[in-house]
Amino acid sequence: MAPDVVRVRSSPTWKPTRKDGIVFAILSIASFVTALDSTVLVTILPVIAKELHGSTSDSFWAGTSYLLSSAVSQPIVAGLAELFGTRALLWHSILLFTVGSMVCGLATRFPTLLAGRSIQGVGGGGSITLVQRTFARLNIPLRERPKWFSLILLIWAIGSVVGPFVGSGLTARASYHWVFWINLPICGIILVLVPFFIDATHPPISFWGSLSRVDWVGGAFFIVGTTSLLVGLSWGGLNFSWTSAWTLCPIIVGCFGILSTAVWERSFAAYPFLSDSVFHNRSIVVGYMSAFLHGLILLCALYYLPFYFAWALWSGWIVAILGSGLLLLLDVSTSSYVWITIFLVFGLGNGFLLSAVNFSVQASAGVAKAGQAASMYTSCRSLGMGVGVAIGSNVFENRMAHQLQQVGLPTLIARNAEAYVYILHSMDVADPTTQAILQAYVHGFRGVFWTLLAASAAGLMLGFAIKSYRTETLDEVLLNGLASVRPGEMLVKLVDTVDNVDAVGLEAVTDALEVNEGRAPSVEDRFKELVETPVAIGAIEGEVELSPDAVGNIPHGRFVPG
C-alpha cells in the first residue's frame, strides 16, 4: 500500500499585525500603571508618615496593603476569567484600580489611605494576571514569546523604576495626593480601548451559571490565610513579641487557612480556582517558588534602597546573589561609584530573572495551560512582594532597635525611622549621637540585605530543579513524532515522549491523534474540533498542509517537508 504523505511547511517568523500592536500597547500601559503604583510610595513614605501622623509600620502598610490585596486577588481573578471572560474581567479590574486611586487621592487619614490602597491592589492584581493571560492567548509561537513579552516586561520594569522618582517629584512640586490622581487619565485610556481591541472570550454558560461555579469557599480560605499570615509576620517583634498571642494567632490562622485552601481545592471544590493542571510537575512548582522569592527580593530592595538615600535562570540567580551580597558593603561612608556599581549588578541579576522565571513556568506548563500558569506566576511574585515588604520592615526595625538599645538610645527612633530622617538632616553629622543613630540605620539595612542574600541563594538552589525545555513548533512535533510510527503503533505513546508542544500542548495533541484499532481520525478535522485556542487553529490552517490522500491510516504514513 502506498504510504500517505503529509506535507509540512516550515513555520515563518511570526510578526505582529496592526491589531496585535494595539493590544501590546494596551497591555504595556496596564503593566506600567500597576507597576508604577507598586513603588510610587517608596520615596515618600516619610512624607506620608509625617502628614498622616503614622509610624514606620503604618507607612509601610500603605505599600503592603496594595501588594497583599494584589497577590490575594490574582488567582481568584484568574479563576473568574475562566467563567466570565478575560476582556470583561480586565475592564472591571482597571475600573476598580481607578476607583481605588480616587479614594487614595482624597484620603486625609491612614485608614482611608489603606482602604484605597487595598481597592487599588485588587484592581491592579487583576490587571496584572489578565495582562499575562491575554498575552498567553495571542497567536504567538512559544519560542517567539520571550522576545515579544520582554517588551511588556520592559514597560513594567520602567514603571517600577520610575515610580519612586514620580512619587518624589509630584510630592515636591504639589502633594503626595497627586501620585494617585495621575493614574486617572492613564486608566481612562485603557478603559476606552479594551472593549474595542481585546477579543472577548465567551463563557460556555450563562452569567448566573458562571456565578454558581465561583469557588467562594476556596477563595475565602485563601484570602483569610494569606492575609492573617502576613499580618502576623508584620507584627512579630514590632507591635508584639514573637511569643505573644497577638503574633502567634494570626500566623497559626494563616497557615491553617493556606493548608485548608490546598485541601479544599484538591479534594472538595467542584470548580477550583487553583487548578491541579498548573501544579502538575516539579518544574512548574519550583518556578512558582522562584517567582515568590524573586518578588520578595525585588520589592524588599525597592522599598529599602531608596530609603538608604532619603543568561538564563541560573545566571540570573547567580548575579542576584552577587548583587545581594555586595549590598552588605553599603555603610554610612560608601562612595557614589561603589553603590552605583553594586546597584548595577543587583539590577542586572534581577533583570535576568524577570523573563527567565516567567517563561520557565510557561514552558513547564505547556501552551494549552500557559495562561493559567502565567496567572499563578504573577500571583506568586506579587505574594512574594507583599511578604518581602512585611519581612523587610520587621527585620529592619528589629535590627535597628537592637542596635539603638546597645548604645543606650531610645528604640522609638526605629519605630519612626522614616519620620526621623528629617530630624537627622538638622543634626550635626560629627556629633557622636548622630553617628550612633546612623550606624543603627546601617545595622537595620544590613539585616534586610542578609535576607535578600538568603532569598537569592534559595532561588539558585531551586533553579537547578527546573527541567530544561526545548520549544518545538507544531511542524517539528508532527515531523519528529509521527514520522517514526510503525504500522499499528499507538500514536499516544509517541506524543507522550514530546517534552513541549508549541501550538497546542501535550494533552491536545494526544486527544487529537488518538487512534482506534490502528486507524487515526482526520488530523485536520480533529485539531479544529478539539483545540479551541487561536494559536492551534492558526497553526493548522496556516502551517500544515495535508495531501488529498492523507485521510486516515496515519500510522502507516510518512512525512515530507514542503
Protein backbone atom coordinates (compact mmCIF):
# COMPACT_ATOMS: atom_id res chain seq x y z
CA MET A 1 0.00 0.00 0.00
CA ALA A 2 1.36 3.38 -0.94
CA PRO A 3 2.27 5.47 2.06
CA ASP A 4 0.24 8.53 2.93
CA VAL A 5 2.07 11.84 2.73
CA VAL A 6 1.59 14.90 4.91
CA ARG A 7 3.41 17.94 3.59
CA VAL A 8 4.54 20.30 6.32
CA ARG A 9 5.73 23.77 5.51
CA SER A 10 8.38 25.35 7.70
CA SER A 11 6.98 27.95 10.11
CA PRO A 12 7.71 31.56 9.11
CA THR A 13 8.96 34.06 11.67
CA TRP A 14 5.97 35.49 13.50
CA LYS A 15 5.25 39.18 13.01
CA PRO A 16 2.60 41.20 14.87
CA THR A 17 -0.37 42.63 12.98
CA ARG A 18 -1.64 46.16 13.47
CA LYS A 19 -4.21 44.90 15.96
CA ASP A 20 -1.51 42.96 17.80
CA GLY A 21 0.45 46.19 18.11
CA ILE A 22 -2.51 47.97 19.70
CA VAL A 23 -3.07 45.04 22.05
CA PHE A 24 0.62 45.20 23.03
CA ALA A 25 0.19 48.91 23.74
CA ILE A 26 -2.87 48.29 25.94
CA LEU A 27 -1.11 45.54 27.89
CA SER A 28 2.03 47.67 28.25
CA ILE A 29 0.10 50.68 29.57
CA ALA A 30 -1.78 48.48 32.04
CA SER A 31 1.51 46.93 33.19
CA PHE A 32 3.11 50.35 33.52
CA VAL A 33 0.42 51.91 35.70
CA THR A 34 0.18 48.91 38.05
CA ALA A 35 3.98 48.67 38.35
CA LEU A 36 4.17 52.41 38.97
CA ASP A 37 1.79 52.14 41.92
CA SER A 38 3.69 49.27 43.48
CA THR A 39 6.73 51.52 44.02
CA VAL A 40 5.44 55.10 43.79
CA LEU A 41 5.24 55.44 47.59
CA VAL A 42 8.78 54.19 48.21
CA THR A 43 10.49 57.58 48.49
CA ILE A 44 7.55 59.46 50.01
CA LEU A 45 6.82 57.13 52.94
CA PRO A 46 8.47 59.63 55.34
CA VAL A 47 6.20 62.39 53.99
CA ILE A 48 3.09 60.22 54.37
CA ALA A 49 4.13 59.15 57.87
CA LYS A 50 4.60 62.78 58.86
CA GLU A 51 1.42 64.21 57.30
CA LEU A 52 -0.86 61.39 58.46
CA HIS A 53 0.88 61.03 61.85
CA GLY A 54 1.74 57.37 61.31
CA SER A 55 4.56 55.11 62.43
CA THR A 56 7.08 53.16 60.36
CA SER A 57 4.80 50.13 60.42
CA ASP A 58 1.77 52.23 59.39
CA SER A 59 3.56 53.81 56.44
CA PHE A 60 4.92 50.52 55.16
CA TRP A 61 1.42 49.04 55.35
CA ALA A 62 0.48 51.64 52.74
CA GLY A 63 2.69 49.64 50.41
CA THR A 64 1.97 46.21 51.85
CA SER A 65 -1.82 46.61 51.67
CA TYR A 66 -1.56 47.18 47.92
CA LEU A 67 0.78 44.24 47.39
CA LEU A 68 -1.16 41.88 49.64
CA SER A 69 -4.56 42.58 48.07
CA SER A 70 -2.91 42.34 44.65
CA ALA A 71 -1.39 38.93 45.39
CA VAL A 72 -4.53 37.53 47.01
CA SER A 73 -6.81 38.67 44.19
CA GLN A 74 -4.77 37.29 41.28
CA PRO A 75 -5.56 33.56 41.40
CA ILE A 76 -9.19 34.36 42.20
CA VAL A 77 -9.47 36.76 39.25
CA ALA A 78 -7.81 34.16 37.02
CA GLY A 79 -10.47 31.66 38.05
CA LEU A 80 -13.24 34.20 37.41
CA ALA A 81 -11.79 34.89 33.96
CA GLU A 82 -12.41 31.26 33.07
CA LEU A 83 -16.09 31.78 33.88
CA PHE A 84 -16.82 35.37 32.80
CA GLY A 85 -14.21 36.02 30.11
CA THR A 86 -10.82 37.76 30.13
CA ARG A 87 -11.89 41.02 28.49
CA ALA A 88 -14.73 41.68 30.95
CA LEU A 89 -12.52 40.95 33.96
CA LEU A 90 -9.68 43.13 32.61
CA TRP A 91 -12.03 46.09 32.10
CA HIS A 92 -13.54 45.80 35.57
CA SER A 93 -10.11 45.35 37.16
CA ILE A 94 -8.91 48.61 35.62
CA LEU A 95 -12.14 50.28 36.77
CA LEU A 96 -11.57 49.05 40.32
CA PHE A 97 -7.98 50.29 40.18
CA THR A 98 -9.29 53.71 39.11
CA VAL A 99 -11.78 53.84 41.99
CA GLY A 100 -9.02 52.90 44.44
CA SER A 101 -6.82 55.70 43.07
CA MET A 102 -9.61 58.20 43.65
CA VAL A 103 -10.08 57.03 47.25
CA CYS A 104 -6.32 57.38 47.89
CA GLY A 105 -6.25 60.80 46.27
CA LEU A 106 -8.99 62.03 48.61
CA ALA A 107 -7.56 60.38 51.74
CA THR A 108 -6.67 62.55 54.73
CA ARG A 109 -6.35 59.72 57.28
CA PHE A 110 -4.36 56.49 57.31
CA PRO A 111 -7.39 54.14 57.43
CA THR A 112 -8.82 55.80 54.31
CA LEU A 113 -5.49 55.58 52.52
CA LEU A 114 -5.12 51.89 53.41
CA ALA A 115 -8.67 51.18 52.21
CA GLY A 116 -7.94 52.91 48.91
CA ARG A 117 -4.64 51.06 48.51
CA SER A 118 -6.41 47.75 49.12
CA ILE A 119 -9.00 48.55 46.44
CA GLN A 120 -6.19 49.57 44.12
CA GLY A 121 -4.42 46.30 44.86
CA VAL A 122 -7.42 44.18 43.91
CA GLY A 123 -7.78 46.06 40.62
CA GLY A 124 -4.05 46.10 39.99
CA GLY A 125 -3.67 42.41 40.80
CA GLY A 126 -6.50 41.56 38.44
CA SER A 127 -4.99 43.59 35.63
CA ILE A 128 -1.53 42.05 36.16
CA THR A 129 -2.77 38.48 35.87
CA LEU A 130 -5.11 39.31 32.99
CA VAL A 131 -2.31 41.02 31.05
CA GLN A 132 -0.38 37.76 31.28
CA ARG A 133 -3.48 35.77 30.39
CA THR A 134 -4.34 37.97 27.41
CA PHE A 135 -0.80 37.72 26.07
CA ALA A 136 -0.76 33.93 26.52
CA ARG A 137 -3.87 33.68 24.34
CA LEU A 138 -2.33 35.60 21.45
CA ASN A 139 -1.32 33.63 18.37
CA ILE A 140 2.40 33.74 19.11
CA PRO A 141 4.69 30.67 18.93
CA LEU A 142 6.23 29.79 22.29
CA ARG A 143 9.78 30.32 21.02
CA GLU A 144 8.80 33.88 19.97
CA ARG A 145 7.00 34.78 23.20
CA PRO A 146 10.00 35.78 25.35
CA LYS A 147 11.09 38.26 22.69
CA TRP A 148 7.70 39.96 22.45
CA PHE A 149 6.70 39.71 26.08
CA SER A 150 10.04 41.22 27.02
CA LEU A 151 8.69 44.49 25.59
CA ILE A 152 5.80 44.40 28.05
CA LEU A 153 8.20 43.40 30.83
CA LEU A 154 10.41 46.33 29.88
CA ILE A 155 7.50 48.73 30.32
CA TRP A 156 6.65 47.05 33.63
CA ALA A 157 10.26 47.43 34.76
CA ILE A 158 10.31 51.09 33.71
CA GLY A 159 7.15 51.68 35.73
CA SER A 160 8.71 50.03 38.78
CA VAL A 161 11.94 52.01 38.43
CA VAL A 162 10.44 55.45 37.74
CA GLY A 163 7.77 55.03 40.44
CA PRO A 164 9.95 56.41 43.25
CA PHE A 165 11.05 59.35 41.07
CA VAL A 166 7.48 60.14 40.04
CA GLY A 167 6.37 59.96 43.66
CA SER A 168 9.10 62.24 44.96
CA GLY A 169 8.73 64.68 42.05
CA LEU A 170 4.97 65.10 42.39
CA THR A 171 5.21 65.33 46.18
CA ALA A 172 7.91 68.02 46.00
CA ARG A 173 6.01 70.14 43.47
CA ALA A 174 2.45 69.56 44.64
CA SER A 175 1.46 66.94 47.26
CA TYR A 176 1.57 63.18 47.66
CA HIS A 177 -2.12 63.04 46.67
CA TRP A 178 -1.08 63.64 43.06
CA VAL A 179 0.72 60.31 42.84
CA PHE A 180 -2.79 58.82 42.78
CA TRP A 181 -4.53 61.43 40.62
CA ILE A 182 -2.03 60.81 37.82
CA ASN A 183 -3.50 57.33 37.36
CA LEU A 184 -6.91 58.59 36.27
CA PRO A 185 -6.14 59.73 32.68
CA ILE A 186 -3.97 56.65 32.06
CA CYS A 187 -6.71 54.31 33.27
CA GLY A 188 -9.26 56.25 31.24
CA ILE A 189 -7.36 55.46 28.03
CA ILE A 190 -7.27 51.75 28.87
CA LEU A 191 -10.98 51.64 29.72
CA VAL A 192 -11.81 53.10 26.31
CA LEU A 193 -9.51 50.81 24.29
CA VAL A 194 -10.12 47.43 25.95
CA PRO A 195 -13.68 46.83 24.61
CA PHE A 196 -12.59 47.55 21.03
CA PHE A 197 -9.30 45.68 20.72
CA ILE A 198 -9.20 42.85 23.29
CA ASP A 199 -11.02 39.82 21.90
CA ALA A 200 -13.90 38.61 24.02
CA THR A 201 -13.83 35.06 25.31
CA HIS A 202 -17.39 33.85 25.52
CA PRO A 203 -18.22 31.86 28.67
CA PRO A 204 -19.72 28.43 27.94
CA ILE A 205 -22.67 29.07 30.27
CA SER A 206 -24.90 31.98 31.35
CA PHE A 207 -23.90 34.69 33.81
CA TRP A 208 -25.85 33.12 36.66
CA GLY A 209 -24.50 29.71 35.75
CA SER A 210 -20.96 31.11 35.89
CA LEU A 211 -21.72 32.79 39.21
CA SER A 212 -22.84 29.47 40.67
CA ARG A 213 -19.46 27.96 39.73
CA VAL A 214 -17.41 30.55 41.62
CA ASP A 215 -15.31 28.84 44.29
CA TRP A 216 -16.42 31.01 47.22
CA VAL A 217 -15.15 28.66 49.93
CA GLY A 218 -11.70 28.24 48.40
CA GLY A 219 -11.41 31.99 47.84
CA ALA A 220 -12.36 32.71 51.46
CA PHE A 221 -9.79 30.22 52.79
CA PHE A 222 -7.10 31.72 50.55
CA ILE A 223 -7.83 35.36 51.47
CA VAL A 224 -8.05 34.71 55.21
CA GLY A 225 -4.96 32.50 55.18
CA THR A 226 -2.60 34.78 53.27
CA THR A 227 -3.80 37.96 54.99
CA SER A 228 -3.52 36.52 58.50
CA LEU A 229 -0.07 35.09 57.85
CA LEU A 230 1.28 38.39 56.56
CA VAL A 231 -0.26 40.35 59.45
CA GLY A 232 1.37 38.00 61.96
CA LEU A 233 4.77 38.27 60.26
CA SER A 234 4.46 42.05 60.22
CA TRP A 235 3.50 42.33 63.90
CA GLY A 236 6.12 39.93 65.26
CA GLY A 237 8.84 41.72 67.22
CA LEU A 238 7.35 45.15 66.49
CA ASN A 239 3.81 45.64 67.74
CA PHE A 240 4.00 42.49 69.86
CA SER A 241 6.65 39.96 70.85
CA TRP A 242 7.09 36.79 68.79
CA THR A 243 5.69 34.72 71.67
CA SER A 244 2.63 36.92 72.10
CA ALA A 245 -0.81 35.53 71.26
CA TRP A 246 -1.35 38.61 69.06
CA THR A 247 1.54 37.42 66.87
CA LEU A 248 1.10 33.66 67.05
CA CYS A 249 -2.67 33.55 66.46
CA PRO A 250 -2.58 35.30 63.03
CA ILE A 251 0.36 33.13 61.94
CA ILE A 252 -1.40 29.91 63.03
CA VAL A 253 -4.67 31.01 61.42
CA GLY A 254 -2.77 31.93 58.26
CA CYS A 255 -1.03 28.57 58.00
CA PHE A 256 -4.30 26.76 58.67
CA GLY A 257 -6.07 28.87 56.04
CA ILE A 258 -3.44 28.14 53.38
CA LEU A 259 -3.47 24.41 54.23
CA SER A 260 -7.28 24.41 54.12
CA THR A 261 -7.14 26.08 50.71
CA ALA A 262 -4.90 23.33 49.36
CA VAL A 263 -7.10 20.54 50.79
CA TRP A 264 -10.34 22.14 49.60
CA GLU A 265 -9.06 22.86 46.10
CA ARG A 266 -7.70 19.35 45.65
CA SER A 267 -10.44 17.25 47.22
CA PHE A 268 -13.72 19.13 47.58
CA ALA A 269 -14.03 22.09 45.18
CA ALA A 270 -16.28 21.34 42.20
CA TYR A 271 -14.70 24.19 40.19
CA PRO A 272 -11.38 25.05 41.90
CA PHE A 273 -9.75 28.39 41.16
CA LEU A 274 -6.36 26.74 41.80
CA SER A 275 -6.38 24.00 39.19
CA ASP A 276 -4.23 20.89 39.56
CA SER A 277 -3.26 21.32 35.91
CA VAL A 278 -0.93 24.22 36.78
CA PHE A 279 0.84 22.21 39.51
CA HIS A 280 1.33 19.01 37.53
CA ASN A 281 5.12 18.72 37.57
CA ARG A 282 8.15 19.58 39.65
CA SER A 283 9.49 22.27 37.32
CA ILE A 284 6.36 24.38 37.37
CA VAL A 285 6.05 24.22 41.18
CA VAL A 286 9.70 25.21 41.56
CA GLY A 287 9.06 28.03 39.09
CA TYR A 288 6.30 29.38 41.33
CA MET A 289 8.59 29.19 44.34
CA SER A 290 11.26 31.06 42.37
CA ALA A 291 8.70 33.71 41.42
CA PHE A 292 7.83 34.15 45.10
CA LEU A 293 11.49 34.60 46.07
CA HIS A 294 12.11 36.94 43.16
CA GLY A 295 9.15 39.10 44.15
CA LEU A 296 10.41 39.17 47.73
CA ILE A 297 13.85 40.37 46.60
CA LEU A 298 12.53 42.95 44.14
CA LEU A 299 10.13 44.82 46.40
CA CYS A 300 12.13 44.41 49.58
CA ALA A 301 15.07 46.03 47.79
CA LEU A 302 12.95 48.71 46.11
CA TYR A 303 11.39 49.74 49.42
CA TYR A 304 14.64 49.97 51.37
CA LEU A 305 17.35 51.03 48.92
CA PRO A 306 15.70 54.44 48.20
CA PHE A 307 15.23 54.82 51.96
CA TYR A 308 19.01 54.37 52.28
CA PHE A 309 19.40 57.57 50.23
CA ALA A 310 16.34 59.62 51.70
CA TRP A 311 21.64 34.29 30.86
CA ALA A 312 19.13 32.11 31.80
CA LEU A 313 17.50 31.23 35.05
CA TRP A 314 20.66 30.10 36.86
CA SER A 315 22.80 33.02 35.68
CA GLY A 316 20.10 35.40 36.89
CA TRP A 317 20.16 33.91 40.38
CA ILE A 318 23.97 33.86 40.42
CA VAL A 319 24.16 37.57 39.58
CA ALA A 320 21.32 38.28 42.03
CA ILE A 321 23.31 36.52 44.77
CA LEU A 322 26.38 38.56 43.87
CA GLY A 323 24.37 41.79 43.89
CA SER A 324 22.63 40.93 47.18
CA GLY A 325 25.96 40.07 48.76
CA LEU A 326 27.51 43.32 47.56
CA LEU A 327 24.70 45.25 49.27
CA LEU A 328 26.26 44.23 52.58
CA LEU A 329 29.19 46.52 51.76
CA LEU A 330 26.98 49.62 51.99
CA ASP A 331 27.52 51.80 55.04
CA VAL A 332 27.47 55.46 56.03
CA SER A 333 30.70 56.28 54.17
CA THR A 334 30.11 54.33 50.93
CA SER A 335 31.22 56.40 47.92
CA SER A 336 28.98 57.05 44.92
CA TYR A 337 30.88 54.94 42.39
CA VAL A 338 30.76 51.94 44.74
CA TRP A 339 27.00 51.98 45.36
CA ILE A 340 26.30 52.66 41.67
CA THR A 341 28.33 49.57 40.71
CA ILE A 342 26.60 47.48 43.37
CA PHE A 343 23.13 48.52 42.21
CA LEU A 344 24.01 47.82 38.58
CA VAL A 345 25.00 44.25 39.45
CA PHE A 346 21.91 43.79 41.63
CA GLY A 347 19.63 45.14 38.90
CA LEU A 348 21.27 43.02 36.20
CA GLY A 349 20.64 39.79 38.10
CA ASN A 350 17.01 40.61 38.81
CA GLY A 351 16.52 41.74 35.22
CA PHE A 352 17.57 38.29 34.01
CA LEU A 353 15.03 36.71 36.33
CA LEU A 354 12.07 38.81 35.16
CA SER A 355 11.90 36.92 31.88
CA ALA A 356 13.64 33.67 32.81
CA VAL A 357 11.36 32.63 35.68
CA ASN A 358 8.23 33.69 33.80
CA PHE A 359 8.88 31.59 30.73
CA SER A 360 10.29 28.62 32.62
CA VAL A 361 6.84 28.38 34.20
CA GLN A 362 5.02 28.71 30.87
CA ALA A 363 7.28 26.18 29.15
CA SER A 364 6.78 23.73 32.02
CA ALA A 365 3.01 24.09 31.80
CA GLY A 366 2.73 23.77 28.02
CA VAL A 367 0.95 26.29 25.84
CA ALA A 368 -2.51 24.86 26.48
CA LYS A 369 -2.14 25.85 30.15
CA ALA A 370 0.21 28.81 29.64
CA GLY A 371 -2.45 31.38 30.54
CA GLN A 372 -3.28 29.75 33.87
CA ALA A 373 0.41 29.19 34.64
CA ALA A 374 1.23 32.83 33.85
CA SER A 375 -1.55 33.95 36.21
CA MET A 376 -0.20 31.76 39.00
CA TYR A 377 3.33 33.06 38.32
CA THR A 378 2.26 36.70 38.78
CA SER A 379 0.30 35.77 41.89
CA CYS A 380 3.33 34.08 43.47
CA ARG A 381 5.56 37.00 42.52
CA SER A 382 3.12 39.53 43.97
CA LEU A 383 2.70 37.49 47.14
CA GLY A 384 6.48 37.46 47.44
CA MET A 385 6.47 41.24 47.02
CA GLY A 386 4.00 41.67 49.86
CA VAL A 387 5.88 39.27 52.11
CA GLY A 388 9.15 40.96 51.17
CA VAL A 389 7.98 44.39 52.29
CA ALA A 390 6.48 42.99 55.51
CA ILE A 391 9.55 40.92 56.38
CA GLY A 392 11.84 43.77 55.40
CA SER A 393 10.00 46.16 57.71
CA ASN A 394 10.18 43.65 60.53
CA VAL A 395 13.87 42.85 60.09
CA PHE A 396 14.86 46.49 59.63
CA GLU A 397 13.07 47.80 62.71
CA ASN A 398 14.12 44.93 64.98
CA ARG A 399 17.77 45.14 63.97
CA MET A 400 17.81 48.93 64.23
CA ALA A 401 16.06 48.87 67.62
CA HIS A 402 18.54 46.30 68.91
CA GLN A 403 21.49 48.47 67.87
CA LEU A 404 19.94 51.59 69.42
CA GLN A 405 19.40 49.71 72.66
CA GLN A 406 23.04 48.59 72.68
CA VAL A 407 24.26 52.22 72.65
CA GLY A 408 21.67 53.49 75.12
CA LEU A 409 19.45 55.37 72.65
CA PRO A 410 15.63 55.18 72.59
CA THR A 411 14.23 52.37 70.42
CA LEU A 412 11.35 54.69 69.48
CA ILE A 413 13.66 56.04 66.76
CA ALA A 414 13.44 52.69 64.96
CA ARG A 415 9.66 52.68 65.30
CA ASN A 416 9.55 56.03 63.49
CA ALA A 417 12.60 55.62 61.25
CA GLU A 418 11.02 57.32 58.22
CA ALA A 419 9.95 60.47 60.05
CA TYR A 420 13.29 60.62 61.90
CA VAL A 421 15.11 61.08 58.60
CA TYR A 422 14.01 64.74 58.64
CA ILE A 423 15.40 65.19 62.16
CA LEU A 424 18.74 63.73 61.07
CA HIS A 425 19.03 66.42 58.40
CA SER A 426 19.09 69.08 61.10
CA MET A 427 21.61 67.29 63.33
CA ASP A 428 25.37 67.74 63.33
CA VAL A 429 26.93 64.86 61.38
CA ALA A 430 30.07 64.97 63.54
CA ASP A 431 28.08 64.57 66.76
CA PRO A 432 28.63 61.10 68.34
CA THR A 433 24.88 60.68 68.88
CA THR A 434 24.19 61.33 65.20
CA GLN A 435 26.86 58.82 64.22
CA ALA A 436 25.38 56.24 66.58
CA ILE A 437 21.93 56.71 65.05
CA LEU A 438 23.35 56.44 61.52
CA GLN A 439 25.11 53.22 62.45
CA ALA A 440 21.79 51.90 63.78
CA TYR A 441 20.25 52.62 60.38
CA VAL A 442 23.11 50.75 58.70
CA HIS A 443 22.57 47.84 61.09
CA GLY A 444 18.90 47.72 60.07
CA PHE A 445 19.74 47.87 56.37
CA ARG A 446 22.24 45.04 56.66
CA GLY A 447 19.60 42.85 58.23
CA VAL A 448 17.47 43.43 55.13
CA PHE A 449 20.42 42.75 52.82
CA TRP A 450 21.19 39.44 54.56
CA THR A 451 17.56 38.49 53.98
CA LEU A 452 17.92 39.29 50.27
CA LEU A 453 21.12 37.25 50.05
CA ALA A 454 19.44 34.24 51.67
CA ALA A 455 16.45 34.51 49.31
CA SER A 456 18.77 34.74 46.28
CA ALA A 457 20.72 31.67 47.38
CA ALA A 458 17.47 29.73 47.88
CA GLY A 459 16.36 30.78 44.40
CA LEU A 460 19.57 29.48 42.87
CA MET A 461 19.11 26.11 44.56
CA LEU A 462 15.55 25.91 43.26
CA GLY A 463 16.75 26.80 39.76
CA PHE A 464 18.68 23.53 39.50
CA ALA A 465 15.42 21.61 39.94
CA ILE A 466 13.77 23.18 36.88
CA LYS A 467 13.82 20.98 33.81
CA SER A 468 15.20 22.30 30.52
CA TYR A 469 12.53 22.56 27.83
CA ARG A 470 13.04 22.81 24.11
CA THR A 471 10.25 24.76 22.44
CA GLU A 472 9.20 22.82 19.36
CA THR A 473 6.91 24.11 16.67
CA LEU A 474 3.86 22.10 15.64
CA ASP A 475 5.66 21.19 12.41
CA GLU A 476 8.57 19.70 14.34
CA VAL A 477 6.28 17.77 16.66
CA LEU A 478 4.41 16.19 13.76
CA LEU A 479 7.56 15.55 11.73
CA ASN A 480 9.73 14.17 14.54
CA GLY A 481 6.98 12.35 16.39
CA LEU A 482 4.83 10.77 13.72
CA ALA A 483 7.41 10.10 11.02
CA SER A 484 8.79 7.18 13.01
CA VAL A 485 5.44 5.50 13.70
CA ARG A 486 5.36 1.85 12.75
CA PRO A 487 2.21 0.16 11.45
CA GLY A 488 -0.34 -0.32 14.24
CA GLU A 489 1.66 1.62 16.84
CA MET A 490 -0.35 3.83 19.18
CA LEU A 491 0.32 7.49 18.48
CA VAL A 492 -0.41 8.37 22.08
CA LYS A 493 2.82 6.70 23.18
CA LEU A 494 4.79 8.78 20.72
CA VAL A 495 3.16 12.02 21.76
CA ASP A 496 3.94 11.31 25.39
CA THR A 497 7.65 11.45 24.57
CA VAL A 498 7.47 15.05 23.38
CA ASP A 499 8.71 17.45 26.06
CA ASN A 500 6.88 20.55 24.90
CA VAL A 501 4.41 21.29 22.14
CA ASP A 502 4.37 24.84 20.89
CA ALA A 503 0.91 25.24 19.45
CA VAL A 504 -1.39 23.01 21.40
CA GLY A 505 0.20 21.22 24.34
CA LEU A 506 0.62 17.53 25.04
CA GLU A 507 -2.94 16.90 26.13
CA ALA A 508 -4.43 18.44 22.99
CA VAL A 509 -2.09 16.55 20.65
CA THR A 510 -2.76 13.30 22.49
CA ASP A 511 -6.51 13.75 22.13
CA ALA A 512 -6.29 14.86 18.52
CA LEU A 513 -4.12 11.94 17.38
CA GLU A 514 -5.73 9.17 19.41
CA VAL A 515 -6.21 6.08 17.27
CA ASN A 516 -8.89 3.44 17.31
CA GLU A 517 -7.89 -0.04 16.19
CA GLY A 518 -4.85 1.21 14.37
CA ARG A 519 -6.66 3.94 12.40
CA ALA A 520 -6.32 7.66 13.10
CA PRO A 521 -9.06 10.22 12.55
CA SER A 522 -8.53 13.17 10.24
CA VAL A 523 -5.75 15.27 11.74
CA GLU A 524 -7.11 18.44 10.19
CA ASP A 525 -10.66 17.94 11.44
CA ARG A 526 -9.75 16.68 14.89
CA PHE A 527 -7.40 19.56 15.65
CA LYS A 528 -10.09 22.08 14.76
CA GLU A 529 -12.65 20.21 16.83
CA LEU A 530 -10.63 19.60 19.97
CA VAL A 531 -8.36 22.64 20.13
CA GLU A 532 -10.07 25.96 20.66
CA THR A 533 -7.08 28.22 21.10
CA PRO A 534 -6.40 30.62 18.22
CA VAL A 535 -2.75 29.54 18.30
CA ALA A 536 -3.63 25.97 17.39
CA ILE A 537 -6.22 26.92 14.79
CA GLY A 538 -3.77 29.31 13.14
CA ALA A 539 -1.07 26.67 13.11
CA ILE A 540 -3.32 24.09 11.46
CA GLU A 541 -4.90 26.44 8.93
CA GLY A 542 -1.75 28.34 8.03
CA GLU A 543 1.15 25.97 8.50
CA VAL A 544 0.06 22.36 7.97
CA GLU A 545 -0.96 21.20 4.51
CA LEU A 546 -2.45 17.72 4.15
CA SER A 547 -2.20 15.91 0.85
CA PRO A 548 -5.57 14.69 -0.57
CA ASP A 549 -4.88 11.04 0.20
CA ALA A 550 -3.95 11.69 3.84
CA VAL A 551 -7.38 10.88 5.24
CA GLY A 552 -6.53 8.21 7.77
CA ASN A 553 -4.13 5.37 8.30
CA ILE A 554 -1.56 7.86 9.57
CA PRO A 555 0.37 5.17 11.47
CA HIS A 556 1.46 3.84 8.06
CA GLY A 557 2.35 7.25 6.69
CA ARG A 558 5.48 9.25 6.27
CA PHE A 559 6.13 12.99 6.26
CA VAL A 560 7.79 15.06 3.57
CA PRO A 561 8.97 18.63 4.30
CA GLY A 562 7.28 21.00 1.92
